[in-house]
Every structure is written in structure tokens, then in C-alpha cells.
N, C-alpha and C. Protein backbone atom coordinates (compact mmCIF):
# COMPACT_ATOMS: atom_id res chain seq x y z
N MET A 1 0.22 -0.96 -0.25
CA MET A 1 0.07 -0.07 0.66
C MET A 1 0.81 1.53 -0.18
N SER A 2 0.37 1.90 -0.76
CA SER A 2 1.33 3.26 -1.02
C SER A 2 0.70 4.40 0.54
N GLN A 3 1.87 5.16 0.67
CA GLN A 3 1.86 6.31 1.31
C GLN A 3 0.70 7.13 0.37
N SER A 4 -0.18 8.09 1.46
CA SER A 4 -0.90 8.56 1.49
C SER A 4 -0.09 9.93 0.68
N PRO A 5 -0.92 11.34 -0.33
CA PRO A 5 0.49 12.24 -0.18
C PRO A 5 -0.07 13.17 0.75
N ARG A 6 0.78 14.00 2.34
CA ARG A 6 0.70 14.83 2.98
C ARG A 6 -0.65 15.94 2.87
N ILE A 7 -0.26 16.79 1.80
CA ILE A 7 -1.63 17.97 1.58
C ILE A 7 -2.78 16.93 0.14
N ASP A 8 -4.15 17.26 0.10
CA ASP A 8 -4.96 16.31 -0.52
C ASP A 8 -5.41 17.61 -0.90
N VAL A 9 -6.00 18.26 -0.52
CA VAL A 9 -7.18 20.50 -0.92
C VAL A 9 -5.88 21.01 -0.21
N VAL A 10 -5.76 22.46 -0.57
CA VAL A 10 -6.19 23.32 -0.25
C VAL A 10 -6.79 24.36 -0.58
N LEU A 11 -7.66 25.48 0.29
CA LEU A 11 -7.82 26.38 -0.19
C LEU A 11 -7.73 27.80 0.09
N ILE A 12 -7.43 28.48 -1.14
CA ILE A 12 -7.06 30.36 -1.80
C ILE A 12 -7.87 30.60 -1.25
N LYS A 13 -7.79 31.91 -0.60
CA LYS A 13 -8.97 32.76 -0.19
C LYS A 13 -8.81 34.20 -0.38
N ARG A 14 -8.42 34.41 -1.73
CA ARG A 14 -7.73 36.42 -2.11
C ARG A 14 -9.25 37.44 -1.66
N LYS A 15 -8.90 39.06 -1.31
CA LYS A 15 -10.05 39.07 -0.96
C LYS A 15 -10.25 39.80 -3.10
N PRO A 16 -11.57 40.67 -3.26
CA PRO A 16 -11.79 40.36 -4.31
C PRO A 16 -10.53 41.74 -5.12
N GLY A 17 -10.02 41.45 -6.49
CA GLY A 17 -9.02 42.76 -7.55
C GLY A 17 -8.19 41.33 -7.74
N ALA A 18 -7.33 42.33 -8.87
CA ALA A 18 -5.92 41.73 -9.00
C ALA A 18 -5.26 40.96 -8.06
N PHE A 19 -4.41 39.74 -8.52
CA PHE A 19 -3.23 39.35 -7.62
C PHE A 19 -2.21 39.86 -7.51
N SER A 20 -1.44 40.29 -6.28
CA SER A 20 -0.72 41.04 -6.72
C SER A 20 0.87 40.42 -7.05
N PRO A 21 2.11 40.95 -7.81
CA PRO A 21 2.78 40.89 -8.27
C PRO A 21 3.59 39.76 -7.73
N ALA A 22 3.14 40.09 -5.46
CA ALA A 22 4.39 38.85 -4.58
C ALA A 22 3.04 36.93 -5.76
N GLN A 23 1.68 37.73 -5.50
CA GLN A 23 1.65 36.04 -5.13
C GLN A 23 1.49 35.32 -6.79
N LEU A 24 1.55 36.63 -8.16
CA LEU A 24 1.40 35.81 -9.07
C LEU A 24 2.31 34.84 -8.98
N ALA A 25 4.08 35.42 -8.52
CA ALA A 25 4.41 34.89 -8.68
C ALA A 25 5.00 33.47 -8.56
N LEU A 26 3.59 32.56 -7.70
CA LEU A 26 4.01 31.93 -7.51
C LEU A 26 2.65 30.75 -7.39
N LEU A 27 1.77 32.24 -8.21
CA LEU A 27 0.80 31.08 -9.20
C LEU A 27 0.81 30.61 -10.30
N PRO A 28 0.38 29.56 -10.73
CA PRO A 28 0.76 28.67 -11.84
C PRO A 28 -0.56 29.16 -13.15
N ASP A 29 -0.17 28.50 -14.32
CA ASP A 29 -1.08 29.01 -15.88
C ASP A 29 -2.66 28.03 -15.22
N GLY A 30 -3.36 28.87 -15.13
CA GLY A 30 -4.78 27.83 -14.71
C GLY A 30 -5.41 28.66 -13.36
N ILE A 31 -4.63 28.85 -12.39
CA ILE A 31 -5.21 29.30 -11.33
C ILE A 31 -4.87 31.19 -11.19
N ARG A 32 -3.46 31.69 -11.72
CA ARG A 32 -3.32 32.89 -11.95
C ARG A 32 -4.49 33.63 -12.54
N ASP A 33 -5.19 33.58 -13.75
CA ASP A 33 -6.26 34.43 -14.75
C ASP A 33 -7.32 33.37 -14.08
N THR A 34 -7.72 32.88 -12.87
CA THR A 34 -8.56 33.53 -12.51
C THR A 34 -9.37 34.44 -11.69
N GLN A 35 -10.43 35.30 -11.36
CA GLN A 35 -10.78 35.99 -11.27
C GLN A 35 -11.80 35.69 -9.77
N VAL A 36 -11.33 34.87 -8.85
CA VAL A 36 -12.73 34.30 -8.19
C VAL A 36 -11.95 34.51 -6.63
N THR A 37 -12.47 34.92 -6.06
CA THR A 37 -12.12 34.43 -4.45
C THR A 37 -11.79 33.43 -3.97
N ASP A 38 -12.70 32.42 -3.63
CA ASP A 38 -12.36 30.86 -3.24
C ASP A 38 -11.64 30.19 -3.85
N ILE A 39 -10.74 29.49 -4.00
CA ILE A 39 -10.22 28.79 -5.03
C ILE A 39 -9.67 27.30 -3.97
N LEU A 40 -10.68 26.43 -4.74
CA LEU A 40 -10.05 24.64 -4.10
C LEU A 40 -9.18 23.74 -4.75
N LEU A 41 -8.23 23.74 -4.44
CA LEU A 41 -6.43 22.80 -5.60
C LEU A 41 -7.14 21.60 -4.75
N GLU A 42 -7.80 20.07 -5.89
CA GLU A 42 -7.19 18.92 -5.03
C GLU A 42 -5.91 18.33 -6.14
N PHE A 43 -5.21 17.99 -4.92
CA PHE A 43 -4.29 17.53 -5.56
C PHE A 43 -4.34 15.96 -5.44
N LYS A 44 -3.84 15.37 -6.75
CA LYS A 44 -3.33 13.74 -7.15
C LYS A 44 -1.75 13.85 -7.46
N TYR A 45 -1.54 13.16 -6.50
CA TYR A 45 0.24 13.38 -6.47
C TYR A 45 0.69 11.75 -7.01
N THR A 46 0.51 11.33 -6.05
CA THR A 46 0.38 9.35 -6.42
C THR A 46 -0.26 9.16 -7.11
N GLU A 47 -2.50 9.20 -7.58
CA GLU A 47 -2.90 8.34 -8.39
C GLU A 47 -3.68 9.32 -9.33
N SER A 48 -3.11 8.50 -10.44
CA SER A 48 -4.33 9.12 -11.72
C SER A 48 -4.74 9.58 -11.34
N ILE A 49 -5.25 10.76 -12.46
CA ILE A 49 -6.76 11.29 -12.66
C ILE A 49 -7.52 10.29 -13.64
N ASN A 50 -9.07 9.72 -12.98
CA ASN A 50 -9.95 9.24 -13.12
C ASN A 50 -11.14 8.73 -12.80
N GLU A 51 -12.11 8.61 -12.81
CA GLU A 51 -13.25 9.06 -12.39
C GLU A 51 -13.59 9.77 -10.99
N LYS A 52 -12.92 8.59 -9.99
CA LYS A 52 -12.94 9.00 -8.93
C LYS A 52 -13.02 9.84 -8.00
N ALA A 53 -10.86 10.41 -8.85
CA ALA A 53 -10.88 11.40 -8.58
C ALA A 53 -12.02 12.46 -8.93
N VAL A 54 -12.29 12.85 -10.54
CA VAL A 54 -12.72 13.65 -10.90
C VAL A 54 -14.26 13.85 -9.66
N GLN A 55 -15.04 13.02 -9.32
CA GLN A 55 -16.33 12.40 -8.17
C GLN A 55 -15.65 12.84 -6.91
N GLN A 56 -14.04 12.98 -6.66
CA GLN A 56 -13.57 13.97 -5.04
C GLN A 56 -13.68 15.28 -5.10
N ALA A 57 -13.13 15.88 -6.41
CA ALA A 57 -13.27 17.28 -6.02
C ALA A 57 -13.93 17.61 -6.93
N LEU A 58 -15.67 17.01 -7.03
CA LEU A 58 -16.73 17.53 -7.38
C LEU A 58 -17.41 17.61 -5.81
N THR A 59 -16.88 16.41 -5.06
CA THR A 59 -17.93 16.01 -4.45
C THR A 59 -17.35 17.29 -3.65
N TYR A 60 -15.63 17.84 -2.40
CA TYR A 60 -15.42 19.10 -2.06
C TYR A 60 -16.01 20.67 -2.88
N ASP A 61 -15.77 20.62 -4.12
CA ASP A 61 -16.55 21.57 -4.95
C ASP A 61 -18.14 21.90 -4.56
N PHE A 62 -18.82 20.86 -4.05
CA PHE A 62 -20.54 21.28 -3.92
C PHE A 62 -20.79 21.31 -2.59
N LEU A 63 -19.58 20.24 -1.82
CA LEU A 63 -19.68 20.80 -0.44
C LEU A 63 -19.35 21.67 -0.04
N TYR A 64 -18.54 22.75 -0.07
CA TYR A 64 -17.78 24.20 -0.34
C TYR A 64 -18.37 25.15 -0.71
N LYS A 65 -19.21 25.22 -2.14
CA LYS A 65 -19.98 26.23 -2.35
C LYS A 65 -21.62 26.21 -1.39
N ALA A 66 -22.33 25.29 -1.43
CA ALA A 66 -22.93 24.69 0.03
C ALA A 66 -23.09 25.45 0.78
N HIS A 67 -22.28 26.03 1.51
CA HIS A 67 -22.47 26.71 2.34
C HIS A 67 -21.42 28.76 1.67
N LYS A 68 -21.29 28.94 0.97
CA LYS A 68 -21.42 30.17 0.33
C LYS A 68 -22.29 30.87 -0.15
N THR A 69 -22.57 32.07 -0.34
CA THR A 69 -23.84 32.72 -0.66
C THR A 69 -23.83 32.97 -1.82
N ASP A 70 -22.67 33.02 -2.69
CA ASP A 70 -21.39 33.78 -3.92
C ASP A 70 -21.30 32.47 -4.76
N GLU A 71 -21.83 31.41 -4.64
CA GLU A 71 -21.17 30.51 -5.72
C GLU A 71 -20.11 31.26 -6.83
N LYS A 72 -20.27 31.39 -7.75
CA LYS A 72 -19.93 32.46 -8.73
C LYS A 72 -18.55 32.04 -8.29
N GLN A 73 -18.30 33.01 -7.33
CA GLN A 73 -16.44 33.04 -6.71
C GLN A 73 -15.92 32.37 -6.24
N VAL A 74 -16.29 30.73 -6.20
CA VAL A 74 -15.88 29.28 -6.17
C VAL A 74 -15.58 29.20 -7.48
N GLN A 75 -13.84 28.23 -7.50
CA GLN A 75 -13.46 27.93 -8.31
C GLN A 75 -13.08 26.47 -8.30
N SER A 76 -12.97 24.90 -8.93
CA SER A 76 -12.50 23.92 -8.38
C SER A 76 -11.10 23.85 -9.77
N PHE A 77 -9.88 23.15 -8.97
CA PHE A 77 -8.91 22.93 -9.63
C PHE A 77 -8.43 21.53 -9.01
N LEU A 78 -8.89 19.58 -10.23
CA LEU A 78 -7.64 19.13 -10.09
C LEU A 78 -6.60 19.33 -10.20
N LEU A 79 -5.38 19.02 -9.60
CA LEU A 79 -4.14 19.20 -10.13
C LEU A 79 -3.57 17.41 -10.52
N SER A 80 -2.57 17.14 -11.38
CA SER A 80 -2.59 16.01 -10.98
C SER A 80 -0.68 15.73 -11.04
N ALA A 81 -0.73 15.21 -10.91
CA ALA A 81 1.26 15.09 -10.83
C ALA A 81 1.45 13.62 -12.14
N THR A 82 1.02 13.19 -12.47
CA THR A 82 0.65 12.99 -14.11
C THR A 82 -0.14 13.37 -14.86
N LYS A 83 0.70 13.35 -15.64
CA LYS A 83 -0.22 13.47 -17.61
C LYS A 83 -0.91 12.59 -17.65
N PRO A 84 -2.28 13.01 -17.84
CA PRO A 84 -3.57 11.95 -17.57
C PRO A 84 -3.45 11.30 -19.39
N GLN A 85 -3.73 10.49 -18.90
CA GLN A 85 -3.90 9.20 -19.98
C GLN A 85 -5.33 10.13 -20.96
N ASN A 86 -4.90 9.90 -22.27
CA ASN A 86 -5.89 10.22 -23.87
C ASN A 86 -6.84 9.72 -23.69
N SER A 87 -7.76 8.50 -23.22
CA SER A 87 -8.77 7.25 -22.80
C SER A 87 -9.39 8.21 -21.42
N THR A 88 -8.32 8.45 -20.40
CA THR A 88 -9.93 8.87 -18.99
C THR A 88 -9.59 10.69 -19.40
N LEU A 89 -8.75 11.44 -20.40
CA LEU A 89 -9.41 12.58 -20.63
C LEU A 89 -10.69 12.91 -21.89
N LYS A 90 -10.89 12.11 -22.50
CA LYS A 90 -11.72 11.60 -23.69
C LYS A 90 -13.15 11.00 -22.46
N LYS A 91 -13.32 10.28 -22.29
CA LYS A 91 -13.97 9.72 -21.12
C LYS A 91 -14.51 10.93 -20.02
N LEU A 92 -14.13 11.49 -19.41
CA LEU A 92 -14.57 12.94 -18.94
C LEU A 92 -14.69 14.13 -19.59
N GLY A 93 -14.66 14.54 -21.39
CA GLY A 93 -15.34 15.38 -21.73
C GLY A 93 -13.66 16.71 -21.71
N TYR A 94 -12.82 16.36 -21.29
CA TYR A 94 -11.09 17.43 -20.92
C TYR A 94 -10.89 17.07 -22.57
N LYS A 95 -11.18 18.47 -22.99
CA LYS A 95 -10.11 19.16 -23.74
C LYS A 95 -8.96 19.89 -23.37
N SER A 96 -7.97 19.42 -24.19
CA SER A 96 -6.87 20.81 -24.63
C SER A 96 -6.75 22.14 -24.04
N THR A 97 -6.89 23.36 -23.87
CA THR A 97 -7.41 24.62 -23.58
C THR A 97 -5.85 25.27 -24.50
N LYS A 98 -6.17 26.44 -24.60
CA LYS A 98 -5.07 27.05 -25.91
C LYS A 98 -3.41 27.53 -24.52
N VAL A 99 -3.46 27.40 -23.17
CA VAL A 99 -2.26 26.93 -22.62
C VAL A 99 -1.80 25.52 -22.35
N PRO A 100 -0.81 25.40 -22.43
CA PRO A 100 0.17 23.67 -21.95
C PRO A 100 -0.51 23.44 -20.53
N GLY A 101 -1.94 22.28 -20.80
CA GLY A 101 -1.44 21.87 -19.02
C GLY A 101 -2.66 21.83 -18.42
N ILE A 102 -3.05 22.88 -19.21
CA ILE A 102 -4.22 22.99 -18.61
C ILE A 102 -5.97 22.50 -19.33
N TYR A 103 -6.81 21.66 -18.68
CA TYR A 103 -7.22 21.15 -19.30
C TYR A 103 -9.15 21.12 -19.18
N ARG A 104 -10.16 22.20 -19.43
CA ARG A 104 -11.60 21.87 -19.00
C ARG A 104 -12.26 21.06 -19.64
N SER A 105 -13.26 20.48 -19.09
CA SER A 105 -14.68 19.66 -19.42
C SER A 105 -15.71 20.01 -20.92
N LYS A 106 -16.09 19.70 -21.43
CA LYS A 106 -17.65 20.01 -22.27
C LYS A 106 -18.95 19.63 -21.93
N PHE A 107 -18.13 18.04 -20.74
CA PHE A 107 -19.45 18.07 -19.50
C PHE A 107 -20.12 18.36 -18.72
N GLN A 108 -21.49 19.40 -18.53
CA GLN A 108 -21.58 20.25 -17.74
C GLN A 108 -21.69 19.90 -16.24
N LEU A 109 -21.73 18.38 -16.20
CA LEU A 109 -21.45 18.32 -14.74
C LEU A 109 -20.11 18.27 -14.55
N VAL A 110 -18.80 17.95 -15.16
CA VAL A 110 -17.56 17.80 -14.59
C VAL A 110 -16.62 18.77 -15.65
N ARG A 111 -17.52 20.16 -15.81
CA ARG A 111 -17.12 21.30 -16.31
C ARG A 111 -16.05 21.73 -15.32
N GLN A 112 -16.88 21.63 -14.22
CA GLN A 112 -16.81 23.17 -13.23
C GLN A 112 -15.26 22.72 -12.24
N ILE A 113 -14.52 21.80 -13.04
CA ILE A 113 -13.50 21.15 -12.41
C ILE A 113 -13.26 21.34 -13.49
N ILE A 114 -11.64 22.57 -13.07
CA ILE A 114 -10.38 22.67 -14.35
C ILE A 114 -8.98 22.01 -13.52
N LEU A 115 -8.91 20.86 -15.19
CA LEU A 115 -7.59 19.80 -14.71
C LEU A 115 -6.35 20.52 -14.79
N ILE A 116 -5.61 20.89 -13.53
CA ILE A 116 -3.95 20.85 -14.06
C ILE A 116 -3.05 19.78 -14.29
N SER A 117 -2.68 19.27 -15.85
CA SER A 117 -1.67 18.65 -15.65
C SER A 117 0.13 19.41 -15.14
N LEU A 118 0.60 18.94 -14.43
CA LEU A 118 1.55 19.21 -14.09
C LEU A 118 3.11 19.29 -14.85
N ASN A 119 2.80 17.92 -15.43
CA ASN A 119 4.09 17.81 -16.06
C ASN A 119 3.99 18.28 -17.18
N GLU A 120 3.16 18.99 -18.00
CA GLU A 120 2.81 20.01 -19.31
C GLU A 120 2.55 21.31 -19.23
N LEU A 121 2.76 22.13 -17.88
CA LEU A 121 2.46 22.95 -17.67
C LEU A 121 4.52 23.72 -18.11
N SER A 122 4.47 24.68 -18.79
CA SER A 122 5.38 25.39 -19.58
C SER A 122 6.27 25.71 -18.22
N ASN A 123 7.71 25.92 -18.69
CA ASN A 123 8.96 26.26 -17.65
C ASN A 123 8.63 27.57 -17.50
N GLU A 124 6.97 28.71 -17.90
CA GLU A 124 7.75 29.91 -16.84
C GLU A 124 8.28 29.36 -15.34
N PRO A 125 9.02 30.09 -14.75
CA PRO A 125 9.02 30.33 -13.35
C PRO A 125 8.07 30.62 -12.12
N TYR A 126 7.18 31.46 -12.64
CA TYR A 126 5.66 31.29 -11.55
C TYR A 126 4.91 29.77 -12.54
N ASN A 127 5.39 28.47 -12.33
CA ASN A 127 4.73 27.13 -12.95
C ASN A 127 5.55 26.47 -12.22
N ALA A 128 6.62 27.14 -11.26
CA ALA A 128 8.34 26.39 -10.72
C ALA A 128 7.62 26.06 -9.65
N PHE A 129 6.76 26.57 -8.39
CA PHE A 129 6.67 25.56 -7.46
C PHE A 129 5.48 25.21 -7.50
N VAL A 130 5.07 25.25 -7.99
CA VAL A 130 3.58 24.04 -7.81
C VAL A 130 4.54 22.60 -8.62
N LYS A 131 5.16 22.82 -9.35
CA LYS A 131 5.86 22.08 -10.35
C LYS A 131 6.82 21.57 -9.28
N CYS A 132 6.80 21.53 -8.01
CA CYS A 132 7.63 21.14 -6.73
C CYS A 132 7.23 19.34 -6.54
N PHE A 133 5.43 19.66 -6.77
CA PHE A 133 5.28 18.42 -6.11
C PHE A 133 4.72 17.14 -7.50
N ARG A 134 5.50 17.86 -7.97
CA ARG A 134 5.96 16.29 -9.33
C ARG A 134 5.97 15.35 -8.95
N GLY A 135 6.07 13.82 -9.69
CA GLY A 135 6.59 12.63 -9.51
C GLY A 135 8.20 12.74 -8.94
N LYS A 136 8.63 11.97 -8.50
CA LYS A 136 10.22 11.58 -8.39
C LYS A 136 10.65 11.58 -9.88
N SER A 137 10.38 11.18 -11.13
CA SER A 137 10.94 11.61 -12.06
C SER A 137 11.75 12.92 -11.90
N PHE A 138 10.97 13.88 -11.52
CA PHE A 138 11.08 15.96 -11.94
C PHE A 138 12.63 16.03 -11.29
N ARG A 139 12.38 17.25 -12.20
CA ARG A 139 14.12 17.27 -12.57
C ARG A 139 14.70 19.12 -11.78
N ALA A 140 15.46 18.58 -10.62
CA ALA A 140 15.63 19.82 -10.02
C ALA A 140 15.69 21.39 -11.06
N ARG A 141 16.51 21.07 -11.82
CA ARG A 141 17.58 21.35 -12.56
C ARG A 141 15.90 22.93 -13.62
N LYS A 142 14.60 22.58 -13.14
CA LYS A 142 13.85 23.43 -13.87
C LYS A 142 12.90 24.39 -12.66
N LEU A 143 13.72 24.60 -11.49
CA LEU A 143 13.91 25.02 -10.32
C LEU A 143 14.04 25.71 -9.75
N LEU A 144 15.34 26.14 -11.47
CA LEU A 144 16.41 27.43 -10.59
C LEU A 144 15.91 28.58 -10.68
N PRO A 145 15.58 29.40 -10.72
CA PRO A 145 14.56 30.53 -10.36
C PRO A 145 13.98 30.86 -8.43
N LEU A 146 13.31 29.29 -8.26
CA LEU A 146 13.18 29.57 -7.05
C LEU A 146 14.75 28.82 -5.84
N LYS A 147 15.63 27.62 -6.54
CA LYS A 147 16.39 26.61 -6.42
C LYS A 147 17.01 27.47 -4.48
N PRO A 148 17.53 28.07 -4.31
CA PRO A 148 17.67 29.26 -3.43
C PRO A 148 17.34 28.74 -1.81
N LEU A 149 15.92 29.57 -2.44
CA LEU A 149 14.87 29.75 -1.83
C LEU A 149 14.88 28.35 -1.25
N ILE A 150 13.91 27.40 -1.66
CA ILE A 150 13.18 25.76 -0.94
C ILE A 150 14.23 25.79 -0.85
N ALA A 151 15.72 25.61 -1.03
CA ALA A 151 16.77 24.89 -0.74
C ALA A 151 16.82 25.52 1.10
N LYS A 152 16.94 26.98 1.11
CA LYS A 152 16.87 27.48 2.17
C LYS A 152 15.65 27.10 3.40
N LYS A 153 14.94 26.52 2.74
CA LYS A 153 13.10 26.09 3.49
C LYS A 153 13.30 24.82 3.50
N ASN A 154 13.58 24.17 3.01
CA ASN A 154 13.29 22.82 3.37
C ASN A 154 14.95 22.16 4.26
N LYS A 155 16.02 23.49 4.01
CA LYS A 155 17.33 22.59 4.18
C LYS A 155 18.06 21.04 3.05
N LYS A 156 17.66 21.87 2.56
CA LYS A 156 18.38 19.96 1.75
C LYS A 156 18.78 20.47 0.33
N ARG A 157 19.69 20.55 -0.26
CA ARG A 157 20.79 20.24 -0.84
C ARG A 157 19.92 20.08 -2.58
N LEU A 158 19.36 20.67 -3.31
CA LEU A 158 18.63 20.70 -4.49
C LEU A 158 19.83 19.90 -5.36
N THR A 159 19.76 18.38 -6.46
CA THR A 159 21.12 18.81 -6.94
C THR A 159 20.56 18.23 -8.43
N HIS A 160 21.07 18.63 -9.35
CA HIS A 160 20.71 18.50 -10.71
C HIS A 160 20.25 16.88 -11.10
């Protein structure tokens, strides 16, 4: 049995208005462009994207929105450390957008969950932080803009 990830769901709350430059430096594609005040991130570190993963994200989305007066201020994302299989994307109605790594579903029930494939995101510095959570095959050299910060915080040395 594999060990569960330490992070499962993350809630990002913000005041209405644009993200600050400091926030944008750490927010990846897909999330950085949203205008909502409440952002739910369902993270899949070890699991592949499948129907169960989407159902779980939909459950968190539903339960969180049940307590909000303005559901339109909530956006849920499903972040995957592994690239989703084409057959799974097709079954769930997900199609790639113009932004690499970002998928939206054409199915009404699923379309409220935006899928982010971490391995497919561009190598822009603002995507580096979230890419830290990818699988073991990840190469630290892609994190060069954040390398000193991450090494200091974790008190570990990142190698190429």
C-alpha cells in the first residue's frame, strides 16, 4: 500500500481584485488567471486522474459551495502530478486549452473542475513552485529561479 500525500485539498482565499505581483510569482497557469475569491485545489500526487478523482473533486466543490452565498466566487481545480491518459480525458470530456497543461471538460457536470497536468505546464518561473509537487522523475534544474529559496526553506540541497 502506498503512502497518502500530505496535502490533499488546499483552499486559497483572496480579496476581490487582481493578484499582487508576489502572489502571481507563485501561482501557476490556470489559477493565476481566475477572478474568483475562493480557489479549491484538489491535488493528486500518487493517483492517476480517473472518474473517482473527479468525483472526489466534485464532492469538495459541492460541499464548499453549499456554504457560500455566491457560488460564482468559487473555482475548483484538480492538479495531477502525472499526465492524464488520453482515454481518461476523452471519457471525462476534457480537452486541452490554448495553455499547455490546462484542460476543461465539455460535460456539464464535470466542467466546473479545471484539470491541471503539472508535467505539461510551461517552464515559466511562476509554474515552478507547483511543479515541486510532481513525481520522482522531476528534475530540480527546472526550478532554478526558486532553487535558493526552496533549498533554504527545506534545509536540503537540490541537485541536478
